Amino acid sequence: MDNQVRSSIKIHNLQTADELEAVRKLEALVWSVEESVPVTQTLAAVKNGGFILGAFLGDVLVGFQYSFPGFDGQKIYLYSHSLGIHPDCRRMGIGEMLKIAQKETALQKGHDLIKWTFDPLETVNGNLNLHKLGGSCSVYIEDAYGEIPDELNAGIPSDRFLVEWWIKRPGLSISEGSVDDIPSTIQTGYRNDCLVPGQIDLNCKNTNLLVPVPGNFQELKQKNFSLALDWRETTRMVFTNYISQGWIVIDLLKNPQQQDSFYYLMEKRVQGDSTDGN
């Protein structure tokens, strides 16, 4: 983001009904009216331990982030429900700014862990969540939200990674290391200028693995919907197989040798290792 534009973005903690109605309208624009959260719900959340951050360009709301406390029976954490950016302001770094502000607010409230989900085939989100922020994923949820009839998700099973972001410690990424000798779990090729999955390896024993994925998944859906479905099914098979055997996803990297191609870096968790941040 241009430094002048970045300095113009201001982030505020939103609390009034009018502010939250502006969030609902932006959420309806980003996804759909049906998927937008009613103000009665968000207002209840911010009055009971949750918060909504708004990113403003001048007086205009151009992004938001909505969080509330979660509990899994053992630990209280912050659950990051949604983050949306106005379509005219994407790829400006606003999402990263909101996540950093979320981290600071979470620390003030006494949290050390933030969780959320994202589609592993959306590489812009993967780059932010894993590569930039240092989150990791040890849970793959098949069809997490069922059928989502909005423009971004319609027709594709809503599989998701569950991110764990331990905000008091550095991430697990080895982004400075070489991945040249790390085996790929999916052989790839090109057909009609689209990255296509080929033979898969479900029996690799290396400490680290690579899982290739295409970039610009939304464009791929428009160009070749059946291929997009094939990528969902292929990556689901690979991720569920290795995660069930103890690998975790720790980074997303650009593949310099293939156009519009990325790969997730997976690492085998050593028995006795902990991701509890202690």
C-alpha atoms as a PDB file:
ATOM      1  CA  MET A   1       0.000   0.000   0.000  1.00  0.00           C
ATOM      2  CA  ASP A   2       1.199   3.514  -0.778  1.00  0.00           C
ATOM      3  CA  ASN A   3       2.416   5.093   2.465  1.00  0.00           C
ATOM      4  CA  GLN A   4       0.228   8.160   1.935  1.00  0.00           C
ATOM      5  CA  VAL A   5      -2.870   5.984   1.493  1.00  0.00           C
ATOM      6  CA  ARG A   6      -1.891   3.828   4.477  1.00  0.00           C
ATOM      7  CA  SER A   7      -1.552   6.873   6.684  1.00  0.00           C
ATOM      8  CA  SER A   8      -5.048   7.934   5.621  1.00  0.00           C
ATOM      9  CA  ILE A   9      -6.626   4.711   6.915  1.00  0.00           C
ATOM     10  CA  LYS A  10      -7.859   5.027  10.479  1.00  0.00           C
ATOM     11  CA  ILE A  11      -9.143   2.100  12.552  1.00  0.00           C
ATOM     12  CA  HIS A  12     -11.755   2.563  15.249  1.00  0.00           C
ATOM     13  CA  ASN A  13     -13.529   0.275  17.698  1.00  0.00           C
ATOM     14  CA  LEU A  14     -17.213   0.487  16.723  1.00  0.00           C
ATOM     15  CA  GLN A  15     -19.945   0.346  19.351  1.00  0.00           C
ATOM     16  CA  THR A  16     -23.083   2.273  18.428  1.00  0.00           C
ATOM     17  CA  ALA A  17     -26.084   0.940  16.529  1.00  0.00           C
ATOM     18  CA  ASP A  18     -25.491   3.409  13.714  1.00  0.00           C
ATOM     19  CA  GLU A  19     -21.853   2.343  13.352  1.00  0.00           C
ATOM     20  CA  LEU A  20     -22.828  -1.321  13.312  1.00  0.00           C
ATOM     21  CA  GLU A  21     -25.545  -0.685  10.723  1.00  0.00           C
ATOM     22  CA  ALA A  22     -22.812   0.705   8.457  1.00  0.00           C
ATOM     23  CA  VAL A  23     -20.894  -2.536   9.029  1.00  0.00           C
ATOM     24  CA  ARG A  24     -23.974  -4.592   8.110  1.00  0.00           C
ATOM     25  CA  LYS A  25     -24.383  -2.656   4.857  1.00  0.00           C
ATOM     26  CA  LEU A  26     -20.726  -3.162   3.946  1.00  0.00           C
ATOM     27  CA  GLU A  27     -20.989  -6.862   4.795  1.00  0.00           C
ATOM     28  CA  ALA A  28     -24.044  -7.144   2.510  1.00  0.00           C
ATOM     29  CA  LEU A  29     -22.026  -5.523  -0.279  1.00  0.00           C
ATOM     30  CA  VAL A  30     -19.037  -7.835   0.214  1.00  0.00           C
ATOM     31  CA  TRP A  31     -21.089 -11.047   0.453  1.00  0.00           C
ATOM     32  CA  SER A  32     -24.886 -10.765   0.372  1.00  0.00           C
ATOM     33  CA  VAL A  33     -27.776  -9.294   2.323  1.00  0.00           C
ATOM     34  CA  GLU A  34     -28.669 -12.788   3.520  1.00  0.00           C
ATOM     35  CA  GLU A  35     -25.175 -13.363   4.913  1.00  0.00           C
ATOM     36  CA  SER A  36     -24.932 -10.020   6.739  1.00  0.00           C
ATOM     37  CA  VAL A  37     -25.166 -10.193  10.538  1.00  0.00           C
ATOM     38  CA  PRO A  38     -28.096  -8.286  12.081  1.00  0.00           C
ATOM     39  CA  VAL A  39     -27.229  -5.254  14.194  1.00  0.00           C
ATOM     40  CA  THR A  40     -29.075  -6.790  17.151  1.00  0.00           C
ATOM     41  CA  GLN A  41     -26.525  -9.625  17.121  1.00  0.00           C
ATOM     42  CA  THR A  42     -23.400  -7.507  16.654  1.00  0.00           C
ATOM     43  CA  LEU A  43     -24.580  -5.004  19.258  1.00  0.00           C
ATOM     44  CA  ALA A  44     -25.069  -7.827  21.759  1.00  0.00           C
ATOM     45  CA  ALA A  45     -21.611  -9.156  20.956  1.00  0.00           C
ATOM     46  CA  VAL A  46     -19.772  -5.871  21.509  1.00  0.00           C
ATOM     47  CA  LYS A  47     -21.563  -5.428  24.841  1.00  0.00           C
ATOM     48  CA  ASN A  48     -20.495  -8.908  25.993  1.00  0.00           C
ATOM     49  CA  GLY A  49     -16.790  -9.300  25.305  1.00  0.00           C
ATOM     50  CA  GLY A  50     -16.702  -9.075  21.523  1.00  0.00           C
ATOM     51  CA  PHE A  51     -15.659  -6.160  19.332  1.00  0.00           C
ATOM     52  CA  ILE A  52     -15.933  -4.829  15.793  1.00  0.00           C
ATOM     53  CA  LEU A  53     -13.130  -2.788  14.271  1.00  0.00           C
ATOM     54  CA  GLY A  54     -13.815  -0.420  11.401  1.00  0.00           C
ATOM     55  CA  ALA A  55     -11.280   0.836   8.849  1.00  0.00           C
ATOM     56  CA  PHE A  56     -12.068   4.314   7.547  1.00  0.00           C
ATOM     57  CA  LEU A  57     -10.763   6.225   4.550  1.00  0.00           C
ATOM     58  CA  GLY A  58     -11.772   9.716   5.532  1.00  0.00           C
ATOM     59  CA  ASP A  59     -15.309   9.350   6.817  1.00  0.00           C
ATOM     60  CA  VAL A  60     -16.074   6.276   4.700  1.00  0.00           C
ATOM     61  CA  LEU A  61     -16.105   2.772   6.188  1.00  0.00           C
ATOM     62  CA  VAL A  62     -14.040   0.608   3.820  1.00  0.00           C
ATOM     63  CA  GLY A  63     -13.334  -2.458   5.994  1.00  0.00           C
ATOM     64  CA  PHE A  64     -14.334  -4.183   9.192  1.00  0.00           C
ATOM     65  CA  GLN A  65     -13.361  -7.067  11.460  1.00  0.00           C
ATOM     66  CA  TYR A  66     -15.803  -8.831  13.824  1.00  0.00           C
ATOM     67  CA  SER A  67     -14.642 -10.949  16.804  1.00  0.00           C
ATOM     68  CA  PHE A  68     -16.204 -12.531  19.886  1.00  0.00           C
ATOM     69  CA  PRO A  69     -14.998 -14.880  22.659  1.00  0.00           C
ATOM     70  CA  GLY A  70     -15.069 -18.624  22.113  1.00  0.00           C
ATOM     71  CA  PHE A  71     -14.673 -21.619  24.425  1.00  0.00           C
ATOM     72  CA  ASP A  72     -13.850 -25.202  23.451  1.00  0.00           C
ATOM     73  CA  GLY A  73     -14.426 -26.765  26.875  1.00  0.00           C
ATOM     74  CA  GLN A  74     -10.834 -26.216  27.962  1.00  0.00           C
ATOM     75  CA  LYS A  75      -9.676 -22.796  26.826  1.00  0.00           C
ATOM     76  CA  ILE A  76     -11.174 -19.370  26.205  1.00  0.00           C
ATOM     77  CA  TYR A  77      -9.986 -17.751  22.976  1.00  0.00           C
ATOM     78  CA  LEU A  78     -11.053 -14.997  20.587  1.00  0.00           C
ATOM     79  CA  TYR A  79     -12.989 -16.151  17.528  1.00  0.00           C
ATOM     80  CA  SER A  80     -12.552 -13.987  14.428  1.00  0.00           C
ATOM     81  CA  HIS A  81     -15.892 -14.369  12.661  1.00  0.00           C
ATOM     82  CA  SER A  82     -15.484 -12.130   9.628  1.00  0.00           C
ATOM     83  CA  LEU A  83     -13.271  -9.595   7.924  1.00  0.00           C
ATOM     84  CA  GLY A  84     -14.551  -7.678   4.911  1.00  0.00           C
ATOM     85  CA  ILE A  85     -13.049  -5.038   2.627  1.00  0.00           C
ATOM     86  CA  HIS A  86     -14.947  -2.800   0.205  1.00  0.00           C
ATOM     87  CA  PRO A  87     -14.437  -4.151  -3.360  1.00  0.00           C
ATOM     88  CA  ASP A  88     -12.842  -0.861  -4.448  1.00  0.00           C
ATOM     89  CA  CYS A  89     -10.250  -1.037  -1.660  1.00  0.00           C
ATOM     90  CA  ARG A  90      -8.953  -4.589  -1.862  1.00  0.00           C
ATOM     91  CA  ARG A  91      -5.236  -5.364  -2.178  1.00  0.00           C
ATOM     92  CA  MET A  92      -4.426  -2.160  -0.316  1.00  0.00           C
ATOM     93  CA  GLY A  93      -3.224  -3.831   2.893  1.00  0.00           C
ATOM     94  CA  ILE A  94      -6.337  -2.935   4.880  1.00  0.00           C
ATOM     95  CA  GLY A  95      -6.961  -6.542   5.906  1.00  0.00           C
ATOM     96  CA  GLU A  96      -3.500  -6.805   7.446  1.00  0.00           C
ATOM     97  CA  MET A  97      -4.011  -3.509   9.269  1.00  0.00           C
ATOM     98  CA  LEU A  98      -7.288  -4.788  10.722  1.00  0.00           C
ATOM     99  CA  LYS A  99      -5.675  -8.056  11.849  1.00  0.00           C
ATOM    100  CA  ILE A 100      -2.855  -6.205  13.605  1.00  0.00           C
ATOM    101  CA  ALA A 101      -5.414  -3.982  15.333  1.00  0.00           C
ATOM    102  CA  GLN A 102      -7.386  -7.106  16.241  1.00  0.00           C
ATOM    103  CA  LYS A 103      -4.260  -8.595  17.817  1.00  0.00           C
ATOM    104  CA  GLU A 104      -3.628  -5.455  19.869  1.00  0.00           C
ATOM    105  CA  THR A 105      -7.251  -5.342  21.048  1.00  0.00           C
ATOM    106  CA  ALA A 106      -7.220  -9.058  21.879  1.00  0.00           C
ATOM    107  CA  LEU A 107      -4.082  -8.644  23.996  1.00  0.00           C
ATOM    108  CA  GLN A 108      -5.720  -5.780  25.863  1.00  0.00           C
ATOM    109  CA  LYS A 109      -8.640  -8.085  26.661  1.00  0.00           C
ATOM    110  CA  GLY A 110      -6.302 -10.823  27.943  1.00  0.00           C
ATOM    111  CA  HIS A 111      -6.412 -13.258  25.002  1.00  0.00           C
ATOM    112  CA  ASP A 112      -3.390 -15.150  23.714  1.00  0.00           C
ATOM    113  CA  LEU A 113      -5.124 -17.155  20.957  1.00  0.00           C
ATOM    114  CA  ILE A 114      -7.279 -16.098  18.001  1.00  0.00           C
ATOM    115  CA  LYS A 115      -9.055 -18.646  15.811  1.00  0.00           C
ATOM    116  CA  TRP A 116     -10.871 -18.314  12.498  1.00  0.00           C
ATOM    117  CA  THR A 117     -11.569 -20.196   9.291  1.00  0.00           C
ATOM    118  CA  PHE A 118     -10.686 -19.519   5.669  1.00  0.00           C
ATOM    119  CA  ASP A 119     -10.920 -21.300   2.338  1.00  0.00           C
ATOM    120  CA  PRO A 120      -7.510 -22.858   1.587  1.00  0.00           C
ATOM    121  CA  LEU A 121      -8.040 -22.228  -2.139  1.00  0.00           C
ATOM    122  CA  GLU A 122      -8.247 -18.467  -1.538  1.00  0.00           C
ATOM    123  CA  THR A 123      -4.530 -17.737  -1.662  1.00  0.00           C
ATOM    124  CA  VAL A 124      -4.822 -14.018  -0.838  1.00  0.00           C
ATOM    125  CA  ASN A 125      -6.283 -15.068   2.517  1.00  0.00           C
ATOM    126  CA  GLY A 126      -3.699 -17.818   2.921  1.00  0.00           C
ATOM    127  CA  ASN A 127      -0.871 -15.358   2.322  1.00  0.00           C
ATOM    128  CA  LEU A 128      -2.194 -13.008   4.998  1.00  0.00           C
ATOM    129  CA  ASN A 129      -3.220 -15.615   7.563  1.00  0.00           C
ATOM    130  CA  LEU A 130      -0.159 -17.858   7.407  1.00  0.00           C
ATOM    131  CA  HIS A 131       2.716 -16.096   5.669  1.00  0.00           C
ATOM    132  CA  LYS A 132       2.286 -12.574   7.026  1.00  0.00           C
ATOM    133  CA  LEU A 133       0.626 -13.149  10.406  1.00  0.00           C
ATOM    134  CA  GLY A 134       2.242 -16.491  11.274  1.00  0.00           C
ATOM    135  CA  GLY A 135      -0.899 -18.519  11.911  1.00  0.00           C
ATOM    136  CA  SER A 136      -1.015 -22.300  11.485  1.00  0.00           C
ATOM    137  CA  CYS A 137      -3.666 -24.910  10.681  1.00  0.00           C
ATOM    138  CA  SER A 138      -4.058 -28.379  12.158  1.00  0.00           C
ATOM    139  CA  VAL A 139      -7.778 -28.785  11.425  1.00  0.00           C
ATOM    140  CA  TYR A 140      -9.445 -29.158   8.015  1.00  0.00           C
ATOM    141  CA  ILE A 141     -13.241 -28.842   8.077  1.00  0.00           C
ATOM    142  CA  GLU A 142     -15.160 -30.383   5.187  1.00  0.00           C
ATOM    143  CA  ASP A 143     -18.134 -28.299   3.995  1.00  0.00           C
ATOM    144  CA  ALA A 144     -17.883 -26.174   7.142  1.00  0.00           C
ATOM    145  CA  TYR A 145     -20.850 -23.906   6.399  1.00  0.00           C
ATOM    146  CA  GLY A 146     -22.854 -26.034   3.999  1.00  0.00           C
ATOM    147  CA  GLU A 147     -24.075 -24.373   0.805  1.00  0.00           C
ATOM    148  CA  ILE A 148     -23.259 -20.651   0.779  1.00  0.00           C
ATOM    149  CA  PRO A 149     -25.265 -19.051  -2.022  1.00  0.00           C
ATOM    150  CA  ASP A 150     -23.212 -15.885  -2.441  1.00  0.00           C
ATOM    151  CA  GLU A 151     -21.076 -14.928  -5.416  1.00  0.00           C
ATOM    152  CA  LEU A 152     -17.783 -16.040  -3.854  1.00  0.00           C
ATOM    153  CA  ASN A 153     -18.900 -19.477  -2.635  1.00  0.00           C
ATOM    154  CA  ALA A 154     -21.894 -20.703  -4.642  1.00  0.00           C
ATOM    155  CA  GLY A 155     -21.594 -24.234  -5.990  1.00  0.00           C
ATOM    156  CA  ILE A 156     -18.311 -25.096  -4.231  1.00  0.00           C
ATOM    157  CA  PRO A 157     -18.249 -27.114  -0.964  1.00  0.00           C
ATOM    158  CA  SER A 158     -17.363 -24.694   1.838  1.00  0.00           C
ATOM    159  CA  ASP A 159     -14.237 -26.516   3.066  1.00  0.00           C
ATOM    160  CA  ARG A 160     -12.154 -24.472   5.485  1.00  0.00           C
ATOM    161  CA  PHE A 161      -8.880 -24.419   7.369  1.00  0.00           C
ATOM    162  CA  LEU A 162      -9.180 -23.569  11.062  1.00  0.00           C
ATOM    163  CA  VAL A 163      -6.420 -21.068  11.827  1.00  0.00           C
ATOM    164  CA  GLU A 164      -4.755 -20.817  15.218  1.00  0.00           C
ATOM    165  CA  TRP A 165      -2.898 -17.551  15.763  1.00  0.00           C
ATOM    166  CA  TRP A 166      -0.936 -17.547  19.005  1.00  0.00           C
ATOM    167  CA  ILE A 167      -0.458 -13.822  19.332  1.00  0.00           C
ATOM    168  CA  LYS A 168       2.227 -13.862  22.038  1.00  0.00           C
ATOM    169  CA  ARG A 169       4.729 -15.922  20.073  1.00  0.00           C
ATOM    170  CA  PRO A 170       6.359 -15.960  16.610  1.00  0.00           C
ATOM    171  CA  GLY A 171       4.809 -18.036  13.838  1.00  0.00           C
ATOM    172  CA  LEU A 172       5.981 -21.467  12.688  1.00  0.00           C
ATOM    173  CA  SER A 173       7.000 -20.461   9.163  1.00  0.00           C
ATOM    174  CA  ILE A 174      10.403 -21.392   7.716  1.00  0.00           C
ATOM    175  CA  SER A 175       9.913 -18.831   4.951  1.00  0.00           C
ATOM    176  CA  GLU A 176      13.624 -17.979   4.873  1.00  0.00           C
ATOM    177  CA  GLY A 177      14.600 -21.590   4.196  1.00  0.00           C
ATOM    178  CA  SER A 178      14.841 -23.386   0.846  1.00  0.00           C
ATOM    179  CA  VAL A 179      11.960 -25.593  -0.262  1.00  0.00           C
ATOM    180  CA  ASP A 180      13.737 -26.986  -3.334  1.00  0.00           C
ATOM    181  CA  ASP A 181      14.154 -30.432  -1.804  1.00  0.00           C
ATOM    182  CA  ILE A 182      10.701 -30.678  -0.225  1.00  0.00           C
ATOM    183  CA  PRO A 183       8.451 -33.168  -2.043  1.00  0.00           C
ATOM    184  CA  SER A 184       5.182 -32.100  -3.614  1.00  0.00           C
ATOM    185  CA  THR A 185       2.070 -34.114  -2.775  1.00  0.00           C
ATOM    186  CA  ILE A 186       0.299 -33.218  -6.051  1.00  0.00           C
ATOM    187  CA  GLN A 187       1.810 -33.360  -9.526  1.00  0.00           C
ATOM    188  CA  THR A 188       0.590 -30.410 -11.604  1.00  0.00           C
ATOM    189  CA  GLY A 189       0.400 -29.365 -15.233  1.00  0.00           C
ATOM    190  CA  TYR A 190      -1.389 -26.869 -17.463  1.00  0.00           C
ATOM    191  CA  ARG A 191      -4.411 -27.202 -19.703  1.00  0.00           C
ATOM    192  CA  ASN A 192      -5.832 -24.200 -21.548  1.00  0.00           C
ATOM    193  CA  ASP A 193      -3.624 -21.935 -19.411  1.00  0.00           C
ATOM    194  CA  CYS A 194      -5.099 -23.338 -16.199  1.00  0.00           C
ATOM    195  CA  LEU A 195      -3.165 -25.181 -13.486  1.00  0.00           C
ATOM    196  CA  VAL A 196      -4.536 -28.729 -13.210  1.00  0.00           C
ATOM    197  CA  PRO A 197      -3.936 -31.367 -10.514  1.00  0.00           C
ATOM    198  CA  GLY A 198      -2.499 -34.731 -11.454  1.00  0.00           C
ATOM    199  CA  GLN A 199      -1.199 -37.727  -9.528  1.00  0.00           C
ATOM    200  CA  ILE A 200      -1.208 -37.376  -5.740  1.00  0.00           C
ATOM    201  CA  ASP A 201       1.068 -38.872  -3.090  1.00  0.00           C
ATOM    202  CA  LEU A 202      -0.652 -39.799   0.180  1.00  0.00           C
ATOM    203  CA  ASN A 203       2.264 -41.779   1.616  1.00  0.00           C
ATOM    204  CA  CYS A 204       5.094 -39.268   1.884  1.00  0.00           C
ATOM    205  CA  LYS A 205       7.137 -39.587   5.088  1.00  0.00           C
ATOM    206  CA  ASN A 206       9.149 -36.379   4.919  1.00  0.00           C
ATOM    207  CA  THR A 207       9.140 -33.900   7.778  1.00  0.00           C
ATOM    208  CA  ASN A 208       7.971 -31.193   5.362  1.00  0.00           C
ATOM    209  CA  LEU A 209       5.551 -31.417   2.424  1.00  0.00           C
ATOM    210  CA  LEU A 210       4.262 -29.065  -0.261  1.00  0.00           C
ATOM    211  CA  VAL A 211       0.639 -28.912  -1.401  1.00  0.00           C
ATOM    212  CA  PRO A 212       0.242 -26.977  -4.677  1.00  0.00           C
ATOM    213  CA  VAL A 213      -2.855 -24.812  -5.191  1.00  0.00           C
ATOM    214  CA  PRO A 214      -3.873 -22.442  -7.987  1.00  0.00           C
ATOM    215  CA  GLY A 215      -3.931 -18.699  -7.540  1.00  0.00           C
ATOM    216  CA  ASN A 216      -6.958 -16.576  -8.458  1.00  0.00           C
ATOM    217  CA  PHE A 217      -9.466 -19.288  -7.550  1.00  0.00           C
ATOM    218  CA  GLN A 218     -12.444 -17.039  -8.269  1.00  0.00           C
ATOM    219  CA  GLU A 219     -11.202 -16.473 -11.819  1.00  0.00           C
ATOM    220  CA  LEU A 220     -10.674 -20.207 -12.222  1.00  0.00           C
ATOM    221  CA  LYS A 221     -14.288 -20.823 -11.151  1.00  0.00           C
ATOM    222  CA  GLN A 222     -15.509 -18.470 -13.855  1.00  0.00           C
ATOM    223  CA  LYS A 223     -13.269 -19.979 -16.514  1.00  0.00           C
ATOM    224  CA  ASN A 224     -13.573 -23.687 -15.692  1.00  0.00           C
ATOM    225  CA  PHE A 225     -15.971 -24.561 -12.889  1.00  0.00           C
ATOM    226  CA  SER A 226     -15.399 -28.322 -13.107  1.00  0.00           C
ATOM    227  CA  LEU A 227     -11.647 -27.788 -12.698  1.00  0.00           C
ATOM    228  CA  ALA A 228     -12.309 -25.640  -9.626  1.00  0.00           C
ATOM    229  CA  LEU A 229     -14.326 -28.508  -8.153  1.00  0.00           C
ATOM    230  CA  ASP A 230     -11.498 -30.894  -9.020  1.00  0.00           C
ATOM    231  CA  TRP A 231      -9.070 -28.714  -7.057  1.00  0.00           C
ATOM    232  CA  ARG A 232     -11.433 -28.717  -4.069  1.00  0.00           C
ATOM    233  CA  GLU A 233     -11.723 -32.514  -4.099  1.00  0.00           C
ATOM    234  CA  THR A 234      -8.009 -33.134  -4.696  1.00  0.00           C
ATOM    235  CA  THR A 235      -6.756 -30.765  -2.002  1.00  0.00           C
ATOM    236  CA  ARG A 236      -9.392 -32.032   0.446  1.00  0.00           C
ATOM    237  CA  MET A 237      -8.042 -35.561  -0.008  1.00  0.00           C
ATOM    238  CA  VAL A 238      -4.423 -34.445   0.524  1.00  0.00           C
ATOM    239  CA  PHE A 239      -4.999 -32.137   3.494  1.00  0.00           C
ATOM    240  CA  THR A 240      -7.307 -34.476   5.413  1.00  0.00           C
ATOM    241  CA  ASN A 241      -4.878 -37.358   4.879  1.00  0.00           C
ATOM    242  CA  TYR A 242      -1.771 -35.599   6.165  1.00  0.00           C
ATOM    243  CA  ILE A 243      -3.413 -33.559   8.920  1.00  0.00           C
ATOM    244  CA  SER A 244      -4.911 -36.781  10.322  1.00  0.00           C
ATOM    245  CA  GLN A 245      -1.364 -38.173  10.507  1.00  0.00           C
ATOM    246  CA  GLY A 246       0.069 -35.208  12.416  1.00  0.00           C
ATOM    247  CA  TRP A 247       1.185 -32.678   9.809  1.00  0.00           C
ATOM    248  CA  ILE A 248       0.248 -29.014  10.263  1.00  0.00           C
ATOM    249  CA  VAL A 249       0.047 -26.232   7.677  1.00  0.00           C
ATOM    250  CA  ILE A 250       2.525 -23.471   8.502  1.00  0.00           C
ATOM    251  CA  ASP A 251       2.952 -21.259   5.436  1.00  0.00           C
ATOM    252  CA  LEU A 252       1.835 -20.327   1.922  1.00  0.00           C
ATOM    253  CA  LEU A 253       4.547 -19.602  -0.624  1.00  0.00           C
ATOM    254  CA  LYS A 254       4.579 -18.452  -4.241  1.00  0.00           C
ATOM    255  CA  ASN A 255       5.869 -21.086  -6.632  1.00  0.00           C
ATOM    256  CA  PRO A 256       8.534 -19.258  -8.680  1.00  0.00           C
ATOM    257  CA  GLN A 257       8.642 -22.029 -11.279  1.00  0.00           C
ATOM    258  CA  GLN A 258       4.967 -22.098 -12.261  1.00  0.00           C
ATOM    259  CA  GLN A 259       2.728 -19.232 -13.291  1.00  0.00           C
ATOM    260  CA  ASP A 260      -0.194 -18.480 -10.981  1.00  0.00           C
ATOM    261  CA  SER A 261       0.755 -21.298  -8.629  1.00  0.00           C
ATOM    262  CA  PHE A 262       1.279 -21.403  -4.870  1.00  0.00           C
ATOM    263  CA  TYR A 263       2.027 -24.120  -2.395  1.00  0.00           C
ATOM    264  CA  TYR A 264       1.189 -24.692   1.219  1.00  0.00           C
ATOM    265  CA  LEU A 265       4.055 -25.816   3.397  1.00  0.00           C
ATOM    266  CA  MET A 266       3.224 -28.590   5.860  1.00  0.00           C
ATOM    267  CA  GLU A 267       5.380 -29.727   8.752  1.00  0.00           C
ATOM    268  CA  LYS A 268       5.169 -32.984  10.687  1.00  0.00           C
ATOM    269  CA  ARG A 269       4.418 -32.253  14.311  1.00  0.00           C
ATOM    270  CA  VAL A 270       6.865 -34.105  16.555  1.00  0.00           C
ATOM    271  CA  GLN A 271       5.142 -36.114  19.300  1.00  0.00           C
ATOM    272  CA  GLY A 272       5.130 -34.045  22.458  1.00  0.00           C
ATOM    273  CA  ASP A 273       5.227 -30.704  20.611  1.00  0.00           C
ATOM    274  CA  SER A 274       2.579 -28.232  21.684  1.00  0.00           C
ATOM    275  CA  THR A 275       0.845 -25.381  19.899  1.00  0.00           C
ATOM    276  CA  ASP A 276      -0.647 -24.018  23.093  1.00  0.00           C
ATOM    277  CA  GLY A 277       1.674 -21.023  23.161  1.00  0.00           C
ATOM    278  CA  ASN A 278       3.200 -21.867  26.544  1.00  0.00           C
END
